[in-house]
Amino acid sequence: MGYLEWLDEEYSLFRDAVAAAEPSVPVPTCAGWTMDTLVRHLAMVYLHKVTLLRTGDWPKDWPPPGLAAEPGLALLARAYRALTAELIARGPEAAAVTWYEPDQTVGFWFRRMAHETVIHRVDAELAAGLPAAHVPDDLAIDGIDEVLTCCLAYFSPEAMAGMPGEQLAGPDGAETIVVAAGAASWTVRPFRSDEVTVRTGVHGRPQARVEGAPGSLLRWLWGRAGDDAVRVTGDPGWASYLRRMLVATTQ
């Protein structure tokens, strides 16, 4: 399946989870949010990308007035239709502004919107008290790569500067953390100079290995599953260090 098919499937699962609970039910993984807040957040994310793609720049004076008066599910459905129409019309190879400098194409937003919807689908299921639907292994592995490469490594200089006294890494960056899902693996290498690099495969001197089924590991990396969702070998303090770095780079 491609990103558009994954996006459509995850959006449908999100809608099903939302329909299974009252709008006022709290979302345990998003402090202070209700299901209605979650629905409106995802709708606004979609509409923001629609405006970005149409104008070729970051939206100004966002959000536009009047959206608060629109019912949440109606707003979400309208936003989703507009988003998918823009993505299809432009195609993944077209140029687009993104926050990830190495990829300035519409394809970045195909990927990002699919994974945004996966994570918020899990949020909605948790709020509704539903068992988490399976995340396809290939989608989950791609999501693991995205959060490690496009979020953790890319934003690490700014985010880790806000973690004084919390860093375990030595100055030579030899200590690493291995993240593994099936046959796929990544090496996270934090430096005390406030930089994190991510490479595929196993490198350096691993202090901890965090592994699990692809969907479970993806949820753990995003803070949507507890430590029982993965298996940690080595120093558990380094696994906790990885989670703290992820929190700092995905807020």
Protein backbone atom coordinates (compact mmCIF):
# COMPACT_ATOMS: atom_id res chain seq x y z
CA MET A 1 0.00 0.00 0.00
CA GLY A 2 1.05 3.60 -0.55
CA TYR A 3 0.75 6.55 1.80
CA LEU A 4 -2.60 7.66 0.40
CA GLU A 5 -4.13 4.22 0.97
CA TRP A 6 -2.67 4.10 4.47
CA LEU A 7 -3.97 7.59 5.19
CA ASP A 8 -7.47 6.60 4.08
CA GLU A 9 -7.45 3.45 6.19
CA GLU A 10 -6.16 5.20 9.31
CA TYR A 11 -8.64 8.05 8.87
CA SER A 12 -11.48 5.51 8.75
CA LEU A 13 -10.21 3.85 11.93
CA PHE A 14 -9.95 7.26 13.59
CA ARG A 15 -13.56 8.06 12.68
CA ASP A 16 -14.70 4.67 14.03
CA ALA A 17 -12.94 5.28 17.35
CA VAL A 18 -14.38 8.79 17.65
CA ALA A 19 -17.89 7.44 17.03
CA ALA A 20 -17.47 4.95 19.89
CA ALA A 21 -17.19 7.62 22.62
CA GLU A 22 -18.74 10.88 23.75
CA PRO A 23 -17.05 14.10 22.56
CA SER A 24 -16.32 15.03 26.18
CA VAL A 25 -14.34 11.88 27.04
CA PRO A 26 -10.73 12.70 28.01
CA VAL A 27 -7.82 11.58 25.86
CA PRO A 28 -5.31 9.97 28.27
CA THR A 29 -2.30 10.48 25.98
CA CYS A 30 -2.98 14.18 25.33
CA ALA A 31 -3.16 16.01 28.67
CA GLY A 32 -6.18 18.27 28.96
CA TRP A 33 -7.73 17.16 25.67
CA THR A 34 -11.16 15.68 25.08
CA MET A 35 -12.17 13.60 22.09
CA ASP A 36 -13.64 16.74 20.53
CA THR A 37 -10.32 18.55 21.01
CA LEU A 38 -8.54 15.66 19.28
CA VAL A 39 -10.98 15.70 16.36
CA ARG A 40 -10.58 19.44 15.90
CA HIS A 41 -6.79 19.21 16.20
CA LEU A 42 -6.56 16.66 13.40
CA ALA A 43 -8.96 18.68 11.25
CA MET A 44 -6.84 21.79 11.77
CA VAL A 45 -3.66 19.90 10.88
CA TYR A 46 -5.27 18.80 7.62
CA LEU A 47 -6.56 22.28 6.78
CA HIS A 48 -3.20 23.83 7.60
CA LYS A 49 -1.53 21.58 5.01
CA VAL A 50 -4.25 22.35 2.46
CA THR A 51 -3.54 26.07 2.82
CA LEU A 52 0.22 25.48 2.69
CA LEU A 53 -0.06 23.47 -0.53
CA ARG A 54 -2.41 25.96 -2.17
CA THR A 55 -0.39 29.06 -1.32
CA GLY A 56 3.12 27.60 -1.40
CA ASP A 57 3.96 29.11 2.00
CA TRP A 58 3.28 28.71 5.70
CA PRO A 59 -0.22 29.96 6.54
CA LYS A 60 -0.43 33.40 8.14
CA ASP A 61 -2.92 34.40 10.85
CA TRP A 62 -3.70 30.78 11.62
CA PRO A 63 -6.26 29.44 12.37
CA PRO A 64 -8.84 31.23 10.22
CA PRO A 65 -11.90 32.59 12.04
CA GLY A 66 -15.20 30.75 12.20
CA LEU A 67 -13.97 27.17 12.51
CA ALA A 68 -14.93 26.87 16.17
CA ALA A 69 -18.60 27.16 15.26
CA GLU A 70 -18.45 24.20 12.86
CA PRO A 71 -19.30 20.78 14.37
CA GLY A 72 -16.13 18.79 14.96
CA LEU A 73 -16.88 15.75 12.79
CA ALA A 74 -18.20 17.90 9.94
CA LEU A 75 -15.03 20.01 10.10
CA LEU A 76 -12.88 16.88 10.10
CA ALA A 77 -14.66 15.37 7.10
CA ARG A 78 -14.38 18.62 5.12
CA ALA A 79 -10.70 18.96 6.01
CA TYR A 80 -9.94 15.38 5.02
CA ARG A 81 -11.66 15.74 1.65
CA ALA A 82 -9.72 18.93 0.96
CA LEU A 83 -6.40 17.39 2.03
CA THR A 84 -6.70 14.26 -0.06
CA ALA A 85 -7.86 16.28 -3.08
CA GLU A 86 -4.77 18.50 -2.83
CA LEU A 87 -2.39 15.58 -2.40
CA ILE A 88 -3.87 13.69 -5.36
CA ALA A 89 -3.95 16.75 -7.61
CA ARG A 90 -0.30 17.63 -6.98
CA GLY A 91 1.33 14.22 -6.63
CA PRO A 92 4.29 13.33 -4.43
CA GLU A 93 7.01 14.66 -6.76
CA ALA A 94 5.76 18.26 -6.80
CA ALA A 95 7.64 20.92 -4.83
CA ALA A 96 6.22 22.00 -1.47
CA VAL A 97 7.35 23.88 1.61
CA THR A 98 8.06 21.56 4.56
CA TRP A 99 9.80 21.88 7.92
CA TYR A 100 12.26 19.11 6.97
CA GLU A 101 14.90 20.74 4.77
CA PRO A 102 16.12 17.51 3.08
CA ASP A 103 12.65 16.89 1.58
CA GLN A 104 10.82 19.84 0.07
CA THR A 105 8.18 17.88 -1.84
CA VAL A 106 4.50 17.06 -1.53
CA GLY A 107 5.64 13.50 -0.87
CA PHE A 108 6.80 14.63 2.56
CA TRP A 109 3.22 15.62 3.40
CA PHE A 110 1.82 12.33 2.05
CA ARG A 111 4.07 10.58 4.56
CA ARG A 112 3.64 13.00 7.45
CA MET A 113 -0.16 13.11 7.23
CA ALA A 114 -0.35 9.30 7.15
CA HIS A 115 1.73 9.02 10.31
CA GLU A 116 -0.01 11.95 12.02
CA THR A 117 -3.27 10.08 11.50
CA VAL A 118 -1.85 6.78 12.77
CA ILE A 119 -0.80 8.29 16.08
CA HIS A 120 -4.03 10.19 16.63
CA ARG A 121 -6.04 7.10 15.68
CA VAL A 122 -4.29 5.37 18.59
CA ASP A 123 -5.14 8.36 20.82
CA ALA A 124 -8.82 8.08 19.85
CA GLU A 125 -8.87 4.33 20.52
CA LEU A 126 -7.33 4.83 23.95
CA ALA A 127 -9.89 7.54 24.75
CA ALA A 128 -12.75 5.30 23.62
CA GLY A 129 -11.42 2.32 25.58
CA LEU A 130 -10.99 0.27 22.41
CA PRO A 131 -8.17 -2.20 21.73
CA ALA A 132 -5.59 -0.68 19.43
CA ALA A 133 -6.12 -1.76 15.83
CA HIS A 134 -3.10 -3.30 14.15
CA VAL A 135 -0.67 -0.95 12.44
CA PRO A 136 0.58 -2.70 9.26
CA ASP A 137 4.20 -3.70 9.74
CA ASP A 138 5.49 -1.79 6.70
CA LEU A 139 3.64 1.36 7.76
CA ALA A 140 4.91 1.03 11.34
CA ILE A 141 8.52 0.48 10.24
CA ASP A 142 8.30 3.56 8.04
CA GLY A 143 6.84 5.47 10.99
CA ILE A 144 9.70 4.37 13.23
CA ASP A 145 12.17 5.61 10.65
CA GLU A 146 10.31 8.92 10.36
CA VAL A 147 10.20 9.68 14.08
CA LEU A 148 13.85 8.75 14.56
CA THR A 149 15.23 10.47 11.45
CA CYS A 150 12.91 13.41 10.75
CA CYS A 151 12.11 14.27 14.37
CA LEU A 152 14.73 13.00 16.81
CA ALA A 153 17.85 13.51 14.69
CA TYR A 154 16.65 16.61 12.82
CA PHE A 155 15.43 18.59 15.84
CA SER A 156 17.96 17.32 18.37
CA PRO A 157 20.25 20.41 18.58
CA GLU A 158 17.39 22.67 19.67
CA ALA A 159 15.51 20.16 21.79
CA MET A 160 18.45 18.63 23.63
CA ALA A 161 19.67 22.06 24.62
CA GLY A 162 16.61 22.09 26.88
CA MET A 163 17.69 18.90 28.67
CA PRO A 164 20.52 20.16 30.90
CA GLY A 165 21.83 17.58 33.32
CA GLU A 166 19.83 14.78 31.69
CA GLN A 167 22.32 13.63 29.07
CA LEU A 168 24.11 10.31 29.45
CA ALA A 169 26.19 10.46 26.29
CA GLY A 170 29.94 10.84 26.40
CA PRO A 171 31.84 13.42 24.32
CA ASP A 172 32.99 10.93 21.67
CA GLY A 173 29.50 9.66 20.87
CA ALA A 174 30.60 6.04 21.04
CA GLU A 175 27.67 5.01 23.27
CA THR A 176 24.57 4.22 21.25
CA ILE A 177 21.03 2.91 21.55
CA VAL A 178 19.74 0.29 19.12
CA VAL A 179 16.08 0.32 18.09
CA ALA A 180 14.89 -2.85 16.35
CA ALA A 181 11.64 -4.04 14.80
CA GLY A 182 11.85 -7.40 13.07
CA ALA A 183 14.71 -7.32 10.58
CA ALA A 184 14.89 -3.50 10.64
CA SER A 185 17.20 -1.70 13.05
CA TRP A 186 18.47 1.80 13.72
CA THR A 187 21.33 3.12 15.81
CA VAL A 188 20.69 6.30 17.80
CA ARG A 189 23.96 8.05 18.65
CA PRO A 190 23.64 10.99 21.07
CA PHE A 191 26.56 13.38 21.54
CA ARG A 192 27.06 15.56 24.59
CA SER A 193 27.31 18.47 22.15
CA ASP A 194 23.50 18.35 21.81
CA GLU A 195 23.36 16.36 18.61
CA VAL A 196 21.76 13.03 17.78
CA THR A 197 22.48 11.02 14.66
CA VAL A 198 20.48 8.05 13.42
CA ARG A 199 21.79 5.34 11.09
CA THR A 200 20.27 2.10 9.91
CA GLY A 201 21.91 -1.02 11.27
CA VAL A 202 23.87 -1.54 14.50
CA HIS A 203 26.87 0.70 15.22
CA GLY A 204 29.04 1.98 18.07
CA ARG A 205 28.85 0.63 21.60
CA PRO A 206 25.17 -0.10 22.27
CA GLN A 207 24.22 0.65 25.86
CA ALA A 208 20.65 -0.56 25.38
CA ARG A 209 18.57 -2.33 22.76
CA VAL A 210 14.85 -1.54 22.47
CA GLU A 211 12.92 -3.97 20.30
CA GLY A 212 9.39 -5.07 19.65
CA ALA A 213 6.77 -5.77 17.05
CA PRO A 214 6.71 -2.82 14.61
CA GLY A 215 3.34 -1.42 15.71
CA SER A 216 4.10 -1.79 19.41
CA LEU A 217 7.51 -0.19 19.03
CA LEU A 218 6.05 2.72 17.06
CA ARG A 219 3.50 3.38 19.80
CA TRP A 220 6.20 3.19 22.47
CA LEU A 221 8.44 5.68 20.64
CA TRP A 222 5.52 8.13 20.47
CA GLY A 223 4.58 7.59 24.13
CA ARG A 224 1.37 5.77 23.23
CA ALA A 225 2.34 2.49 24.91
CA GLY A 226 4.03 1.52 28.16
CA ASP A 227 7.35 -0.21 28.63
CA ASP A 228 5.62 -3.59 28.53
CA ALA A 229 5.08 -3.07 24.79
CA VAL A 230 8.80 -3.47 24.06
CA ARG A 231 11.76 -5.52 25.27
CA VAL A 232 14.77 -3.67 26.63
CA THR A 233 18.14 -5.34 27.00
CA GLY A 234 21.21 -3.62 28.40
CA ASP A 235 20.93 -0.53 30.60
CA PRO A 236 17.26 0.49 31.02
CA GLY A 237 18.44 4.00 31.88
CA TRP A 238 19.49 4.45 28.26
CA ALA A 239 16.07 3.33 27.04
CA SER A 240 14.51 5.96 29.32
CA TYR A 241 17.03 8.47 27.95
CA LEU A 242 15.78 7.71 24.42
CA ARG A 243 12.18 8.36 25.47
CA ARG A 244 13.12 11.69 27.09
CA MET A 245 14.92 12.77 23.91
CA LEU A 246 11.88 11.80 21.85
CA VAL A 247 9.57 13.82 24.10
CA ALA A 248 11.85 16.82 23.66
CA THR A 249 11.85 16.52 19.86
CA THR A 250 8.19 15.66 19.20
CA GLN A 251 6.34 18.17 21.37
